[in-house]
Protein backbone atom coordinates (compact mmCIF):
# COMPACT_ATOMS: atom_id res chain seq x y z
CA UNK A 1 0.11 0.03 0.36
CA UNK A 2 1.09 3.30 -1.21
CA UNK A 3 0.93 6.68 1.42
CA UNK A 4 -2.01 7.77 1.96
CA UNK A 5 -3.65 5.78 -0.92
CA UNK A 6 -2.98 8.63 -2.78
CA UNK A 7 -1.40 6.65 -6.85
CA UNK A 8 1.84 6.86 -7.82
CA UNK A 9 2.85 10.03 -10.00
CA UNK A 10 0.61 11.73 -8.47
CA UNK A 11 3.03 13.90 -6.09
CA UNK A 12 5.60 14.60 -9.88
CA UNK A 13 1.93 15.98 -11.48
CA UNK A 14 0.92 18.18 -8.43
CA UNK A 15 4.69 19.93 -8.28
CA UNK A 16 4.72 19.66 -12.03
CA UNK A 17 0.67 22.13 -11.98
CA UNK A 18 2.48 24.06 -8.87
CA UNK A 19 5.29 25.40 -10.51
CA UNK A 20 3.30 26.60 -13.74
CA UNK A 21 0.86 28.16 -12.04
CA UNK A 22 4.12 29.97 -9.99
CA UNK A 23 4.94 30.41 -13.33
CA UNK A 24 2.12 31.75 -14.68
CA UNK A 25 1.79 34.87 -11.72
CA UNK A 26 5.05 35.29 -12.08
CA UNK A 27 3.30 36.28 -16.04
CA UNK A 28 0.39 37.95 -14.63
CA UNK A 29 2.50 40.17 -12.56
CA UNK A 30 5.30 41.24 -14.94
CA UNK A 31 2.21 41.96 -17.57
CA UNK A 32 1.15 44.39 -15.27
CA UNK A 33 4.46 45.99 -14.19
CA UNK A 34 5.11 46.46 -18.19
CA UNK A 35 1.35 48.17 -18.84
CA UNK A 36 2.18 50.73 -16.18
CA UNK A 37 5.78 51.29 -15.94
CA UNK A 38 7.62 49.90 -18.82
CA UNK A 39 9.94 46.56 -19.82
CA UNK A 40 12.50 48.45 -18.29
CA UNK A 41 11.00 48.13 -14.76
CA UNK A 42 13.02 46.91 -12.21
CA UNK A 43 12.57 43.46 -11.15
CA UNK A 44 12.32 44.31 -7.99
CA UNK A 45 8.80 45.83 -8.73
CA UNK A 46 8.00 42.69 -10.15
CA UNK A 47 8.61 40.70 -7.87
CA UNK A 48 6.95 42.25 -5.93
CA UNK A 49 3.46 42.57 -7.65
CA UNK A 50 4.47 38.50 -7.01
CA UNK A 51 5.09 38.29 -3.83
CA UNK A 52 7.64 36.53 -4.96
CA UNK A 53 12.05 37.30 -4.39
CA UNK A 54 14.04 38.10 -6.98
CA UNK A 55 15.64 34.98 -6.66
CA UNK A 56 12.66 33.71 -8.55
CA UNK A 57 12.20 35.21 -11.24
CA UNK A 58 15.75 34.84 -12.13
CA UNK A 59 15.54 30.99 -11.53
CA UNK A 60 12.60 31.47 -14.16
CA UNK A 61 14.27 33.42 -16.37
CA UNK A 62 17.58 34.21 -16.86
CA UNK A 63 17.44 37.82 -18.91
CA UNK A 64 15.54 40.38 -18.61
CA UNK A 65 14.96 38.88 -22.45
CA UNK A 66 13.42 35.78 -21.18
CA UNK A 67 10.77 37.44 -18.94
CA UNK A 68 9.87 40.08 -22.66
CA UNK A 69 9.13 36.97 -24.02
CA UNK A 70 7.43 34.72 -21.52
CA UNK A 71 4.65 37.82 -21.00
CA UNK A 72 4.75 38.79 -24.32
CA UNK A 73 3.64 35.27 -25.70
CA UNK A 74 1.52 34.24 -21.84
CA UNK A 75 -0.79 37.77 -23.47
CA UNK A 76 -1.06 36.42 -26.59
CA UNK A 77 -2.69 33.22 -24.81
CA UNK A 78 -4.56 35.37 -22.83
CA UNK A 79 -6.07 37.96 -25.93
CA UNK A 80 -6.83 34.13 -27.71
CA UNK A 81 -8.61 32.90 -25.08
CA UNK A 82 -10.04 36.13 -24.12
CA UNK A 83 -12.11 36.56 -27.39
CA UNK A 84 -14.84 33.46 -27.75
CA UNK A 85 -14.79 34.03 -23.70
CA UNK A 86 -15.79 37.63 -24.48
CA UNK A 87 -18.12 36.92 -26.28
CA UNK A 88 -19.99 33.68 -24.63
CA UNK A 89 -19.50 36.36 -21.33
CA UNK A 90 -21.82 39.50 -23.37
CA UNK A 91 -24.04 41.33 -23.39
CA UNK A 92 -23.75 42.13 -26.85
CA UNK A 93 -20.73 41.40 -29.00
CA UNK A 94 -20.12 45.00 -30.14
CA UNK A 95 -19.39 45.36 -25.49
CA UNK A 96 -17.08 42.24 -25.67
CA UNK A 97 -14.65 43.75 -29.08
CA UNK A 98 -14.64 47.26 -27.06
CA UNK A 99 -13.94 44.83 -23.58
CA UNK A 100 -11.11 43.14 -26.25
CA UNK A 101 -9.45 45.62 -27.65
CA UNK A 102 -8.59 47.07 -24.49
CA UNK A 103 -6.73 43.87 -23.41
CA UNK A 104 -5.14 44.56 -26.41
CA UNK A 105 -3.86 48.15 -25.29
CA UNK A 106 -2.39 46.70 -22.55
CA UNK A 107 -0.66 43.77 -24.79
CA UNK A 108 0.56 46.48 -26.98
CA UNK A 109 2.67 48.09 -24.63
CA UNK A 110 4.60 45.87 -23.57
CA UNK A 111 5.31 44.45 -27.63
CA UNK A 112 6.35 47.74 -27.74
CA UNK A 113 9.38 46.81 -25.78
CA UNK A 114 9.86 44.03 -27.11
CA UNK A 115 11.81 45.29 -29.09
CA UNK A 116 13.86 46.93 -27.60
CA UNK A 117 14.79 44.02 -25.46
CA UNK A 118 14.87 41.71 -28.33
CA UNK A 119 17.62 43.37 -29.25
CA UNK A 120 20.15 42.03 -31.92
CA UNK A 121 17.77 38.86 -31.92
CA UNK A 122 15.70 40.49 -35.31
CA UNK A 123 15.02 36.67 -36.77
CA UNK A 124 13.67 35.61 -32.94
CA UNK A 125 11.80 38.99 -32.98
CA UNK A 126 9.80 38.45 -36.75
CA UNK A 127 8.90 35.13 -35.43
CA UNK A 128 6.88 35.89 -32.63
CA UNK A 129 5.17 39.11 -34.59
CA UNK A 130 4.41 36.23 -36.92
CA UNK A 131 3.47 34.00 -34.60
CA UNK A 132 1.51 37.53 -33.37
CA UNK A 133 -0.41 38.00 -36.57
CA UNK A 134 -1.26 34.17 -36.64
CA UNK A 135 -3.39 33.66 -33.81
CA UNK A 136 -4.61 37.31 -33.04
CA UNK A 137 -6.27 37.86 -36.27
CA UNK A 138 -9.06 35.16 -36.51
CA UNK A 139 -10.19 36.35 -32.73
CA UNK A 140 -10.42 40.26 -33.92
CA UNK A 141 -12.03 38.67 -37.18
CA UNK A 142 -14.15 36.49 -34.53
CA UNK A 143 -15.14 39.13 -32.85
CA UNK A 144 -15.47 42.40 -35.95
CA UNK A 145 -18.10 39.39 -37.40
CA UNK A 146 -19.93 38.67 -34.15
CA UNK A 147 -20.57 42.75 -33.77
CA UNK A 148 -21.71 43.22 -37.54
CA UNK A 149 -24.25 40.15 -37.83
CA UNK A 150 -25.80 41.63 -34.19
CA UNK A 151 -26.30 44.74 -35.98
CA UNK A 152 -24.07 46.98 -33.43
CA UNK A 153 -21.33 48.60 -35.95
CA UNK A 154 -21.51 48.29 -39.65
CA UNK A 155 -19.99 45.61 -41.72
CA UNK A 156 -16.21 45.02 -43.88
CA UNK A 157 -14.29 46.26 -41.25
CA UNK A 158 -10.73 44.32 -41.71
CA UNK A 159 -9.25 42.79 -38.49
CA UNK A 160 -5.77 43.68 -39.82
CA UNK A 161 -6.63 47.22 -40.44
CA UNK A 162 -7.78 47.25 -36.91
CA UNK A 163 -5.29 46.03 -35.05
CA UNK A 164 -2.61 48.07 -36.97
CA UNK A 165 -4.70 50.67 -36.88
CA UNK A 166 -5.03 50.02 -32.71
CA UNK A 167 -1.21 49.59 -32.92
CA UNK A 168 -0.99 52.99 -34.44
CA UNK A 169 -2.14 54.99 -32.07
CA UNK A 170 -0.54 53.27 -29.06
CA UNK A 171 2.93 53.29 -30.55
CA UNK A 172 5.58 55.92 -28.59
CA UNK A 173 1.86 56.37 -25.67
CA UNK A 174 4.85 55.47 -23.24
CA UNK A 175 7.06 58.23 -23.28
CA UNK A 176 4.38 60.44 -23.37
CA UNK A 177 1.97 61.65 -20.39
CA UNK A 178 0.12 63.81 -21.50
CA UNK A 179 -0.92 61.39 -24.40
CA UNK A 180 -3.47 58.67 -23.49
CA UNK A 181 -3.73 55.91 -26.36
CA UNK A 182 -6.33 54.00 -24.24
CA UNK A 183 -9.23 57.60 -24.74
CA UNK A 184 -7.67 57.29 -28.42
CA UNK A 185 -8.28 53.95 -29.22
CA UNK A 186 -12.22 54.04 -27.80
CA UNK A 187 -12.50 56.98 -29.62
CA UNK A 188 -11.47 54.96 -33.22
CA UNK A 189 -13.73 51.57 -31.60
CA UNK A 190 -16.48 53.99 -30.69
CA UNK A 191 -16.42 54.41 -34.86
CA UNK A 192 -17.69 51.52 -36.04
CA UNK A 193 -20.40 52.04 -34.07
CA UNK A 194 -23.66 51.10 -36.89
CA UNK A 195 -24.86 55.00 -36.94
CA UNK A 196 -29.08 54.59 -35.40
């Protein structure tokens, strides 16, 4: 009989699950700090947000570039998962689109710092950008199509153009405290509405 009736290997699976959960918490904390303070934020700020020691972050992510790339991938996953979840939660497809665009804007803050963090690895940056487009364009298109089908926005908007426009509105916002990119993006998205 094994101890406590546990199956062999269940402890190892539990440990791996805990490690994944801890890593996700670190990525969530880093993303939150990057959104407010940029990708050059001190690691101690990220550790404080995550409730861990600085050494824990370096154990998972030996370099800042490793951390930024991991946050970037984590945010892609979060935006991909959020689209269908927001549509299902309602109350309307347009509301889901607005909320998703807010998440996307937060993500772009991290993305704009990625190029600097990955200096010298243009191939790696290009591969991540391709992943960004491949995974997020279909989600944005689904949200646009749902909002158009419900009659909330005019039809015919292209997901690539919308995402590119949002990206352009967010570029450089971190260097000008007077510029509120989120507010400008909200105005852009409001312009998609179907006139009454």
